[in-house]
């Protein structure tokens, strides 16, 4: 059994952990694009692109001499783990439901999560533009 980079801090690199974290969030919430993932984590999509590109170069043995990319900040990692924590708790709760409905419930919850995230981003932009007392 291979070691999970998210939980093997001493046996994995920061790059491996960031890549695993990004992949896990994308998978758990069925996020289709890097742009959407970047928005979910508050990361500019160019940073995700740099991280992914460097990870690919490392896997292919072509990273020698390349400058490592910027990594995720502590806040961005915290957001990702917060989202994963929710997904893992949801998965634990799903064990109480019959297999026939689990996939539908997760799909519905992913859509609800995405809608709530988009709404919270819209509220934040409105507050940035007009101030909290006017936005609400």
N, C-alpha and C. Protein backbone atom coordinates (compact mmCIF):
# COMPACT_ATOMS: atom_id res chain seq x y z
N UNK A 1 0.85 -1.17 0.00
CA UNK A 1 0.00 0.00 0.00
C UNK A 1 0.90 1.24 0.00
N UNK A 2 0.62 2.16 -0.88
CA UNK A 2 1.45 3.37 -0.96
C UNK A 2 1.05 4.35 0.14
N UNK A 3 2.00 5.18 0.49
CA UNK A 3 1.76 6.17 1.53
C UNK A 3 1.01 7.36 0.95
N UNK A 4 0.08 7.88 1.71
CA UNK A 4 -0.70 9.04 1.29
C UNK A 4 0.10 10.30 1.57
N UNK A 5 0.45 11.08 0.53
CA UNK A 5 1.26 12.29 0.74
C UNK A 5 0.62 13.29 1.70
N UNK A 6 -0.70 13.29 1.80
CA UNK A 6 -1.35 14.24 2.70
C UNK A 6 -1.03 13.95 4.16
N UNK A 7 -0.73 12.70 4.47
CA UNK A 7 -0.56 12.32 5.86
C UNK A 7 0.81 11.73 6.17
N UNK A 8 1.76 11.90 5.26
CA UNK A 8 3.12 11.45 5.49
C UNK A 8 4.07 12.64 5.34
N UNK A 9 3.99 13.54 6.28
CA UNK A 9 4.73 14.80 6.21
C UNK A 9 6.22 14.58 6.08
N UNK A 10 6.75 13.58 6.78
CA UNK A 10 8.19 13.38 6.75
C UNK A 10 8.65 12.53 5.57
N UNK A 11 7.74 11.88 4.91
CA UNK A 11 8.09 11.03 3.77
C UNK A 11 7.60 11.58 2.43
N UNK A 12 7.16 12.83 2.42
CA UNK A 12 6.70 13.44 1.17
C UNK A 12 7.18 14.89 1.12
N UNK A 13 7.19 15.41 -0.08
CA UNK A 13 7.61 16.80 -0.26
C UNK A 13 6.40 17.72 -0.19
N UNK A 14 6.67 18.99 -0.01
CA UNK A 14 5.58 19.98 -0.01
C UNK A 14 4.83 19.94 -1.33
N UNK A 15 5.55 19.77 -2.43
CA UNK A 15 4.93 19.68 -3.75
C UNK A 15 3.98 18.49 -3.82
N UNK A 16 4.44 17.32 -3.36
CA UNK A 16 3.58 16.13 -3.38
C UNK A 16 2.33 16.34 -2.53
N UNK A 17 2.49 16.96 -1.37
CA UNK A 17 1.33 17.20 -0.49
C UNK A 17 0.36 18.19 -1.13
N UNK A 18 0.90 19.27 -1.74
CA UNK A 18 0.01 20.24 -2.39
C UNK A 18 -0.74 19.61 -3.55
N UNK A 19 -0.05 18.82 -4.36
CA UNK A 19 -0.72 18.15 -5.49
C UNK A 19 -1.80 17.20 -5.01
N UNK A 20 -1.50 16.43 -3.97
CA UNK A 20 -2.50 15.49 -3.42
C UNK A 20 -3.69 16.25 -2.86
N UNK A 21 -3.43 17.35 -2.18
CA UNK A 21 -4.50 18.16 -1.60
C UNK A 21 -5.40 18.73 -2.70
N UNK A 22 -4.80 19.27 -3.73
CA UNK A 22 -5.58 19.83 -4.85
C UNK A 22 -6.41 18.74 -5.51
N UNK A 23 -5.79 17.60 -5.76
CA UNK A 23 -6.51 16.50 -6.42
C UNK A 23 -7.66 16.01 -5.56
N UNK A 24 -7.44 15.89 -4.27
CA UNK A 24 -8.46 15.38 -3.37
C UNK A 24 -9.67 16.32 -3.30
N UNK A 25 -9.44 17.63 -3.22
CA UNK A 25 -10.56 18.58 -3.17
C UNK A 25 -11.33 18.52 -4.49
N UNK A 26 -10.60 18.50 -5.58
CA UNK A 26 -11.23 18.45 -6.90
C UNK A 26 -12.09 17.19 -7.04
N UNK A 27 -11.56 16.07 -6.57
CA UNK A 27 -12.27 14.80 -6.66
C UNK A 27 -13.50 14.76 -5.75
N UNK A 28 -13.34 15.17 -4.50
CA UNK A 28 -14.43 15.06 -3.52
C UNK A 28 -15.63 15.92 -3.88
N UNK A 29 -15.39 17.06 -4.53
CA UNK A 29 -16.50 17.95 -4.86
C UNK A 29 -16.82 17.95 -6.35
N UNK A 30 -16.23 17.01 -7.07
CA UNK A 30 -16.49 16.88 -8.51
C UNK A 30 -16.30 18.22 -9.22
N UNK A 31 -15.18 18.85 -8.96
CA UNK A 31 -14.85 20.13 -9.57
C UNK A 31 -14.23 19.85 -10.93
N UNK A 32 -14.80 20.45 -11.95
CA UNK A 32 -14.40 20.13 -13.31
C UNK A 32 -13.18 20.84 -13.85
N UNK A 33 -12.90 22.03 -13.35
CA UNK A 33 -11.81 22.80 -13.96
C UNK A 33 -10.85 23.33 -12.90
N UNK A 34 -9.64 23.60 -13.34
CA UNK A 34 -8.65 24.20 -12.45
C UNK A 34 -9.08 25.61 -12.06
N UNK A 35 -9.78 26.30 -12.96
CA UNK A 35 -10.26 27.65 -12.65
C UNK A 35 -11.23 27.62 -11.48
N UNK A 36 -12.16 26.68 -11.51
CA UNK A 36 -13.13 26.55 -10.42
C UNK A 36 -12.44 26.15 -9.11
N UNK A 37 -11.47 25.24 -9.21
CA UNK A 37 -10.71 24.84 -8.03
C UNK A 37 -9.97 26.04 -7.44
N UNK A 38 -9.36 26.83 -8.30
CA UNK A 38 -8.63 28.01 -7.84
C UNK A 38 -9.56 28.97 -7.10
N UNK A 39 -10.75 29.17 -7.64
CA UNK A 39 -11.73 30.04 -6.98
C UNK A 39 -12.12 29.48 -5.62
N UNK A 40 -12.33 28.17 -5.54
CA UNK A 40 -12.73 27.52 -4.28
C UNK A 40 -11.70 27.70 -3.19
N UNK A 41 -10.43 27.75 -3.60
CA UNK A 41 -9.36 27.81 -2.61
C UNK A 41 -8.76 29.20 -2.45
N UNK A 42 -9.24 30.16 -3.24
CA UNK A 42 -8.70 31.51 -3.15
C UNK A 42 -7.28 31.60 -3.67
N UNK A 43 -7.01 30.85 -4.72
CA UNK A 43 -5.68 30.80 -5.34
C UNK A 43 -5.82 31.32 -6.76
N UNK A 44 -4.83 32.04 -7.24
CA UNK A 44 -4.87 32.44 -8.65
C UNK A 44 -4.60 31.20 -9.49
N UNK A 45 -5.33 31.04 -10.58
CA UNK A 45 -5.20 29.82 -11.38
C UNK A 45 -3.80 29.63 -11.95
N UNK A 46 -3.03 30.72 -12.10
CA UNK A 46 -1.66 30.58 -12.61
C UNK A 46 -0.78 29.85 -11.60
N UNK A 47 -1.06 30.00 -10.31
CA UNK A 47 -0.28 29.29 -9.29
C UNK A 47 -0.56 27.79 -9.39
N UNK A 48 -1.84 27.44 -9.55
CA UNK A 48 -2.17 26.02 -9.72
C UNK A 48 -1.49 25.46 -10.96
N UNK A 49 -1.49 26.23 -12.02
CA UNK A 49 -0.84 25.80 -13.26
C UNK A 49 0.65 25.58 -13.05
N UNK A 50 1.31 26.49 -12.33
CA UNK A 50 2.74 26.34 -12.03
C UNK A 50 2.99 25.09 -11.21
N UNK A 51 2.17 24.88 -10.19
CA UNK A 51 2.34 23.71 -9.32
C UNK A 51 2.17 22.43 -10.12
N UNK A 52 1.12 22.37 -10.93
CA UNK A 52 0.85 21.16 -11.73
C UNK A 52 1.97 20.92 -12.75
N UNK A 53 2.40 21.99 -13.42
CA UNK A 53 3.45 21.87 -14.42
C UNK A 53 4.76 21.38 -13.80
N UNK A 54 5.12 21.94 -12.65
CA UNK A 54 6.35 21.51 -11.99
C UNK A 54 6.22 20.07 -11.50
N UNK A 55 5.06 19.71 -10.99
CA UNK A 55 4.83 18.33 -10.56
C UNK A 55 5.00 17.35 -11.70
N UNK A 56 4.51 17.72 -12.87
CA UNK A 56 4.65 16.86 -14.05
C UNK A 56 6.12 16.74 -14.43
N UNK A 57 6.85 17.86 -14.40
CA UNK A 57 8.28 17.84 -14.73
C UNK A 57 9.06 16.96 -13.75
N UNK A 58 8.69 17.02 -12.47
CA UNK A 58 9.36 16.18 -11.46
C UNK A 58 9.10 14.71 -11.75
N UNK A 59 7.84 14.36 -12.03
CA UNK A 59 7.49 12.97 -12.31
C UNK A 59 8.23 12.45 -13.55
N UNK A 60 8.41 13.32 -14.53
CA UNK A 60 9.08 12.91 -15.77
C UNK A 60 10.59 13.08 -15.71
N UNK A 61 11.12 13.50 -14.56
CA UNK A 61 12.55 13.66 -14.40
C UNK A 61 13.14 14.85 -15.15
N UNK A 62 12.31 15.85 -15.42
CA UNK A 62 12.76 17.01 -16.20
C UNK A 62 12.78 18.29 -15.37
N UNK A 63 12.82 18.17 -14.06
CA UNK A 63 12.75 19.35 -13.21
C UNK A 63 14.11 19.93 -12.87
N UNK A 64 15.18 19.24 -13.24
CA UNK A 64 16.52 19.73 -12.92
C UNK A 64 16.73 21.13 -13.50
N UNK A 65 17.17 22.04 -12.65
CA UNK A 65 17.46 23.40 -13.09
C UNK A 65 16.25 24.31 -13.12
N UNK A 66 15.05 23.76 -12.99
CA UNK A 66 13.85 24.60 -12.98
C UNK A 66 13.65 25.19 -11.60
N UNK A 67 13.18 26.40 -11.57
CA UNK A 67 12.85 27.04 -10.30
C UNK A 67 11.54 26.46 -9.79
N UNK A 68 11.52 25.98 -8.55
CA UNK A 68 10.26 25.46 -8.02
C UNK A 68 9.17 26.54 -8.03
N UNK A 69 7.93 26.13 -8.21
CA UNK A 69 6.84 27.11 -8.28
C UNK A 69 6.53 27.67 -6.90
N UNK A 70 5.73 28.72 -6.91
CA UNK A 70 5.17 29.18 -5.63
C UNK A 70 4.33 28.04 -5.10
N UNK A 71 4.25 27.93 -3.82
CA UNK A 71 3.43 26.87 -3.24
C UNK A 71 2.16 27.50 -2.67
N UNK A 72 1.26 26.65 -2.24
CA UNK A 72 0.05 27.15 -1.60
C UNK A 72 0.43 27.83 -0.29
N UNK A 73 -0.30 28.86 0.06
CA UNK A 73 -0.07 29.52 1.34
C UNK A 73 -0.74 28.71 2.44
N UNK A 74 -0.42 29.03 3.67
CA UNK A 74 -1.05 28.34 4.80
C UNK A 74 -2.57 28.52 4.77
N UNK A 75 -3.04 29.71 4.44
CA UNK A 75 -4.48 29.96 4.37
C UNK A 75 -5.14 29.14 3.27
N UNK A 76 -4.48 29.04 2.12
CA UNK A 76 -5.04 28.26 1.02
C UNK A 76 -5.09 26.77 1.37
N UNK A 77 -4.06 26.29 2.05
CA UNK A 77 -4.07 24.89 2.50
C UNK A 77 -5.18 24.69 3.54
N UNK A 78 -5.32 25.65 4.43
CA UNK A 78 -6.37 25.55 5.44
C UNK A 78 -7.75 25.49 4.79
N UNK A 79 -7.98 26.33 3.78
CA UNK A 79 -9.27 26.28 3.06
C UNK A 79 -9.48 24.90 2.44
N UNK A 80 -8.44 24.36 1.83
CA UNK A 80 -8.55 23.05 1.18
C UNK A 80 -8.86 21.97 2.22
N UNK A 81 -8.14 21.98 3.34
CA UNK A 81 -8.40 20.98 4.37
C UNK A 81 -9.77 21.18 5.01
N UNK A 82 -10.22 22.42 5.11
CA UNK A 82 -11.57 22.69 5.63
C UNK A 82 -12.60 22.05 4.72
N UNK A 83 -12.44 22.21 3.42
CA UNK A 83 -13.38 21.61 2.47
C UNK A 83 -13.30 20.08 2.54
N UNK A 84 -12.08 19.56 2.65
CA UNK A 84 -11.93 18.10 2.76
C UNK A 84 -12.53 17.58 4.05
N UNK A 85 -12.35 18.30 5.13
CA UNK A 85 -12.93 17.88 6.40
C UNK A 85 -14.44 17.74 6.29
N UNK A 86 -15.06 18.69 5.63
CA UNK A 86 -16.50 18.62 5.40
C UNK A 86 -16.83 17.38 4.58
N UNK A 87 -16.08 17.16 3.50
CA UNK A 87 -16.36 16.02 2.62
C UNK A 87 -16.16 14.70 3.36
N UNK A 88 -15.12 14.61 4.17
CA UNK A 88 -14.88 13.37 4.92
C UNK A 88 -15.98 13.13 5.95
N UNK A 89 -16.44 14.18 6.61
CA UNK A 89 -17.54 14.03 7.57
C UNK A 89 -18.81 13.60 6.83
N UNK A 90 -19.03 14.19 5.67
CA UNK A 90 -20.19 13.83 4.86
C UNK A 90 -20.11 12.36 4.45
N UNK A 91 -18.92 11.92 4.04
CA UNK A 91 -18.74 10.52 3.65
C UNK A 91 -19.03 9.58 4.82
N UNK A 92 -18.60 9.97 6.01
CA UNK A 92 -18.88 9.15 7.19
C UNK A 92 -20.39 9.07 7.44
N UNK A 93 -21.08 10.18 7.28
CA UNK A 93 -22.53 10.20 7.46
C UNK A 93 -23.23 9.34 6.40
N UNK A 94 -22.68 9.32 5.21
CA UNK A 94 -23.30 8.57 4.11
C UNK A 94 -23.32 7.07 4.38
N UNK A 95 -22.51 6.60 5.31
CA UNK A 95 -22.55 5.16 5.61
C UNK A 95 -23.88 4.75 6.22
N UNK A 96 -24.64 5.72 6.71
CA UNK A 96 -25.95 5.43 7.30
C UNK A 96 -27.04 5.28 6.23
N UNK A 97 -26.74 5.63 5.00
CA UNK A 97 -27.73 5.57 3.94
C UNK A 97 -27.49 4.38 3.03
N UNK A 98 -28.57 3.88 2.42
CA UNK A 98 -28.41 2.75 1.49
C UNK A 98 -27.56 3.17 0.28
N UNK A 99 -26.83 2.20 -0.26
CA UNK A 99 -25.97 2.46 -1.42
C UNK A 99 -26.75 3.08 -2.57
N UNK A 100 -28.00 2.71 -2.71
CA UNK A 100 -28.81 3.17 -3.84
C UNK A 100 -29.00 4.69 -3.85
N UNK A 101 -28.88 5.35 -2.71
CA UNK A 101 -29.11 6.80 -2.67
C UNK A 101 -27.85 7.62 -2.40
N UNK A 102 -26.75 6.98 -1.99
CA UNK A 102 -25.54 7.70 -1.63
C UNK A 102 -25.03 8.62 -2.74
N UNK A 103 -24.90 8.07 -3.93
CA UNK A 103 -24.35 8.86 -5.04
C UNK A 103 -25.21 10.08 -5.34
N UNK A 104 -26.53 9.88 -5.31
CA UNK A 104 -27.43 11.01 -5.55
C UNK A 104 -27.31 12.07 -4.47
N UNK A 105 -27.23 11.63 -3.21
CA UNK A 105 -27.09 12.59 -2.11
C UNK A 105 -25.78 13.37 -2.20
N UNK A 106 -24.70 12.70 -2.55
CA UNK A 106 -23.41 13.38 -2.68
C UNK A 106 -23.45 14.36 -3.84
N UNK A 107 -24.06 13.96 -4.94
CA UNK A 107 -24.17 14.85 -6.11
C UNK A 107 -24.98 16.10 -5.74
N UNK A 108 -26.09 15.91 -5.06
CA UNK A 108 -26.93 17.03 -4.64
C UNK A 108 -26.17 17.93 -3.67
N UNK A 109 -25.45 17.33 -2.73
CA UNK A 109 -24.70 18.12 -1.77
C UNK A 109 -23.55 18.88 -2.42
N UNK A 110 -22.89 18.26 -3.41
CA UNK A 110 -21.83 18.98 -4.13
C UNK A 110 -22.40 20.21 -4.83
N UNK A 111 -23.55 20.05 -5.46
CA UNK A 111 -24.17 21.19 -6.13
C UNK A 111 -24.56 22.27 -5.12
N UNK A 112 -25.10 21.85 -3.97
CA UNK A 112 -25.45 22.80 -2.93
C UNK A 112 -24.20 23.53 -2.43
N UNK A 113 -23.13 22.79 -2.22
CA UNK A 113 -21.88 23.39 -1.76
C UNK A 113 -21.36 24.40 -2.77
N UNK A 114 -21.40 24.05 -4.04
CA UNK A 114 -20.93 24.96 -5.09
C UNK A 114 -21.80 26.22 -5.14
N UNK A 115 -23.12 26.03 -5.04
CA UNK A 115 -24.03 27.18 -5.06
C UNK A 115 -23.78 28.09 -3.86
N UNK A 116 -23.60 27.50 -2.69
CA UNK A 116 -23.32 28.30 -1.49
C UNK A 116 -22.00 29.04 -1.63
N UNK A 117 -21.01 28.39 -2.21
CA UNK A 117 -19.72 29.03 -2.40
C UNK A 117 -19.85 30.21 -3.37
N UNK A 118 -20.56 29.99 -4.48
CA UNK A 118 -20.74 31.08 -5.45
C UNK A 118 -21.50 32.25 -4.81
N UNK A 119 -22.51 31.93 -4.00
CA UNK A 119 -23.29 32.99 -3.34
C UNK A 119 -22.42 33.74 -2.35
N UNK A 120 -21.58 33.04 -1.61
CA UNK A 120 -20.72 33.73 -0.64
C UNK A 120 -19.69 34.60 -1.35
N UNK A 121 -19.21 34.16 -2.50
CA UNK A 121 -18.26 34.98 -3.29
C UNK A 121 -18.97 36.23 -3.81
N UNK A 122 -20.21 36.10 -4.24
CA UNK A 122 -20.97 37.25 -4.73
C UNK A 122 -21.20 38.24 -3.62
N UNK A 123 -21.55 37.75 -2.42
CA UNK A 123 -21.75 38.63 -1.26
C UNK A 123 -20.47 39.35 -0.90
N UNK A 124 -19.34 38.64 -0.95
CA UNK A 124 -18.06 39.25 -0.61
C UNK A 124 -17.70 40.34 -1.61
N UNK A 125 -17.95 40.09 -2.88
CA UNK A 125 -17.67 41.11 -3.91
C UNK A 125 -18.57 42.31 -3.70
N UNK A 126 -19.84 42.08 -3.39
CA UNK A 126 -20.76 43.19 -3.14
C UNK A 126 -20.29 44.03 -1.96
N UNK A 127 -19.84 43.36 -0.89
CA UNK A 127 -19.35 44.09 0.27
C UNK A 127 -18.09 44.88 -0.06
N UNK A 128 -17.22 44.29 -0.89
CA UNK A 128 -16.00 44.99 -1.29
C UNK A 128 -16.34 46.24 -2.10
N UNK A 129 -17.39 46.16 -2.89
CA UNK A 129 -17.75 47.28 -3.77
C UNK A 129 -18.51 48.38 -3.06
N UNK A 130 -19.45 48.01 -2.18
CA UNK A 130 -20.32 49.03 -1.59
C UNK A 130 -20.27 49.10 -0.06
N UNK A 131 -19.58 48.17 0.57
CA UNK A 131 -19.52 48.17 2.03
C UNK A 131 -20.57 47.25 2.61
N UNK A 132 -20.32 46.65 3.76
CA UNK A 132 -21.22 45.65 4.33
C UNK A 132 -22.59 46.21 4.70
N UNK A 133 -22.67 47.46 5.10
CA UNK A 133 -23.97 47.99 5.52
C UNK A 133 -24.92 48.18 4.34
N UNK A 134 -24.38 48.37 3.13
CA UNK A 134 -25.22 48.54 1.95
C UNK A 134 -25.52 47.21 1.28
N UNK A 135 -24.56 46.28 1.32
CA UNK A 135 -24.71 45.00 0.63
C UNK A 135 -25.80 44.14 1.24
N UNK A 136 -26.10 44.32 2.52
CA UNK A 136 -27.10 43.44 3.15
C UNK A 136 -28.29 44.22 3.57
